[in-house]
N, C-alpha and C. Protein backbone atom coordinates (compact mmCIF):
# COMPACT_ATOMS: atom_id res chain seq x y z
N UNK A 1 0.76 -1.22 -0.04
CA UNK A 1 -0.05 0.03 -0.05
C UNK A 1 0.88 1.18 -0.13
N UNK A 2 1.56 1.57 1.10
CA UNK A 2 2.36 2.67 1.15
C UNK A 2 3.80 2.16 1.33
N UNK A 3 4.61 2.76 0.37
CA UNK A 3 6.08 2.40 0.60
C UNK A 3 6.71 3.25 1.60
N UNK A 4 7.57 2.72 2.40
CA UNK A 4 8.21 3.39 3.48
C UNK A 4 9.43 4.18 2.83
N UNK A 5 9.67 5.36 3.15
CA UNK A 5 10.81 6.05 2.67
C UNK A 5 12.04 5.78 3.43
N UNK A 6 13.05 5.37 2.87
CA UNK A 6 14.20 5.14 3.58
C UNK A 6 15.00 6.43 4.07
N UNK A 7 15.33 6.40 5.41
CA UNK A 7 16.06 7.56 5.94
C UNK A 7 17.52 7.35 5.70
N UNK A 8 18.06 8.41 5.13
CA UNK A 8 19.56 8.37 4.91
C UNK A 8 20.16 9.60 5.62
N UNK A 9 21.13 9.30 6.50
CA UNK A 9 21.87 10.34 7.20
C UNK A 9 23.23 10.40 6.73
N UNK A 10 23.66 11.65 6.47
CA UNK A 10 25.11 11.72 6.05
C UNK A 10 25.94 12.34 7.18
N UNK A 11 26.97 11.52 7.61
CA UNK A 11 27.77 11.87 8.62
C UNK A 11 28.85 12.96 8.14
N UNK A 12 29.23 13.81 8.98
CA UNK A 12 30.12 14.96 8.63
C UNK A 12 31.60 14.22 8.49
N UNK A 13 32.40 14.76 7.55
CA UNK A 13 33.82 14.28 7.45
C UNK A 13 34.63 14.60 8.51
N UNK A 14 34.92 13.79 9.40
CA UNK A 14 35.77 14.23 10.58
C UNK A 14 37.25 14.68 10.29
N UNK A 15 37.66 14.24 9.18
CA UNK A 15 39.03 14.51 8.76
C UNK A 15 39.09 16.08 8.41
N UNK A 16 37.92 16.61 8.01
CA UNK A 16 37.85 18.15 7.66
C UNK A 16 37.53 18.96 8.82
N UNK A 17 37.21 18.29 10.06
CA UNK A 17 36.97 19.05 11.20
C UNK A 17 38.06 19.17 12.13
N UNK A 18 37.99 19.90 13.27
CA UNK A 18 39.04 20.13 14.28
C UNK A 18 38.37 19.36 15.58
N UNK A 19 39.34 18.60 16.14
CA UNK A 19 39.00 17.82 17.29
C UNK A 19 39.32 18.64 18.51
N UNK A 20 38.35 18.77 19.57
CA UNK A 20 38.67 19.47 20.80
C UNK A 20 38.48 18.51 21.83
N UNK A 21 39.50 18.15 22.72
CA UNK A 21 39.40 17.46 23.86
C UNK A 21 38.71 18.14 25.07
N UNK A 22 37.57 17.64 25.53
CA UNK A 22 37.04 18.30 26.71
C UNK A 22 37.58 17.69 28.07
N UNK A 23 37.57 16.36 27.93
CA UNK A 23 38.24 15.57 29.18
C UNK A 23 38.65 14.14 28.52
N UNK A 24 39.15 13.32 29.33
CA UNK A 24 39.77 12.08 28.88
C UNK A 24 38.81 11.26 28.03
N UNK A 25 37.44 11.46 28.38
CA UNK A 25 36.32 10.60 27.73
C UNK A 25 35.63 11.40 26.65
N UNK A 26 35.79 12.68 26.49
CA UNK A 26 34.84 13.40 25.72
C UNK A 26 35.65 14.22 24.72
N UNK A 27 35.13 13.99 23.34
CA UNK A 27 35.78 14.88 22.39
C UNK A 27 34.78 15.47 21.48
N UNK A 28 34.81 16.58 21.13
CA UNK A 28 33.85 17.30 20.23
C UNK A 28 34.62 17.72 18.91
N UNK A 29 33.88 17.84 17.92
CA UNK A 29 34.55 18.22 16.57
C UNK A 29 33.81 19.43 16.03
N UNK A 30 34.37 20.44 15.73
CA UNK A 30 33.96 21.64 15.12
C UNK A 30 34.54 22.00 13.81
N UNK A 31 34.13 22.80 13.07
CA UNK A 31 34.53 23.26 11.75
C UNK A 31 36.01 23.74 11.86
N UNK A 32 36.79 23.66 10.80
CA UNK A 32 38.35 23.89 10.99
C UNK A 32 38.65 25.30 11.33
N UNK A 33 37.73 26.26 11.17
CA UNK A 33 38.31 27.70 11.38
C UNK A 33 37.64 28.20 12.71
N UNK A 34 36.98 27.34 13.39
CA UNK A 34 36.38 27.92 14.65
C UNK A 34 37.33 27.92 15.90
N UNK A 35 36.98 28.80 16.74
CA UNK A 35 37.86 29.12 18.02
C UNK A 35 37.68 27.91 18.91
N UNK A 36 38.44 26.98 19.18
CA UNK A 36 38.47 25.85 20.18
C UNK A 36 37.99 26.27 21.56
N UNK A 37 38.46 27.33 22.16
CA UNK A 37 38.10 27.72 23.55
C UNK A 37 36.74 28.15 23.51
N UNK A 38 36.22 28.78 22.53
CA UNK A 38 34.84 29.25 22.45
C UNK A 38 33.92 28.05 22.30
N UNK A 39 34.31 27.12 21.46
CA UNK A 39 33.42 25.86 21.34
C UNK A 39 33.36 25.04 22.59
N UNK A 40 34.53 25.02 23.39
CA UNK A 40 34.47 24.33 24.60
C UNK A 40 33.70 24.86 25.54
N UNK A 41 33.68 26.27 25.70
CA UNK A 41 32.86 27.02 26.60
C UNK A 41 31.26 26.73 26.22
N UNK A 42 31.08 26.78 24.98
CA UNK A 42 29.55 26.54 24.61
C UNK A 42 29.23 25.13 25.12
N UNK A 43 30.08 24.15 24.80
CA UNK A 43 29.63 22.91 25.14
C UNK A 43 29.46 22.77 26.62
N UNK A 44 30.42 23.30 27.49
CA UNK A 44 30.33 23.13 28.99
C UNK A 44 29.03 23.86 29.43
N UNK A 45 28.77 24.97 28.85
CA UNK A 45 27.51 25.63 29.24
C UNK A 45 26.29 24.92 29.02
N UNK A 46 26.17 24.27 27.77
CA UNK A 46 25.05 23.51 27.72
C UNK A 46 24.85 22.38 28.63
N UNK A 47 26.00 21.77 29.06
CA UNK A 47 25.90 20.69 30.26
C UNK A 47 25.50 21.27 31.45
N UNK A 48 25.92 22.49 31.80
CA UNK A 48 25.45 23.08 32.91
C UNK A 48 23.89 23.30 33.04
N UNK A 49 23.36 23.67 31.88
CA UNK A 49 21.97 23.98 31.70
C UNK A 49 21.10 22.70 31.91
N UNK A 50 21.76 21.46 31.45
CA UNK A 50 21.01 20.30 31.61
C UNK A 50 20.93 19.68 33.01
N UNK A 51 21.98 20.11 33.85
CA UNK A 51 22.06 19.50 35.19
C UNK A 51 20.75 20.11 35.96
N UNK A 52 20.23 19.35 36.86
CA UNK A 52 19.00 19.68 37.55
C UNK A 52 19.47 20.47 38.86
């Protein structure tokens, strides 16, 4: 009857991105030209907002 549309997700190319180490278990990736300190601050501020 109805054909299900397949979902396709494209992962970003991590080779073209810059890795930022938050702690020993956490790493985030941002675009190559971004400021690593600013990206780290944004990530940590989001974590603080989630905590009850």
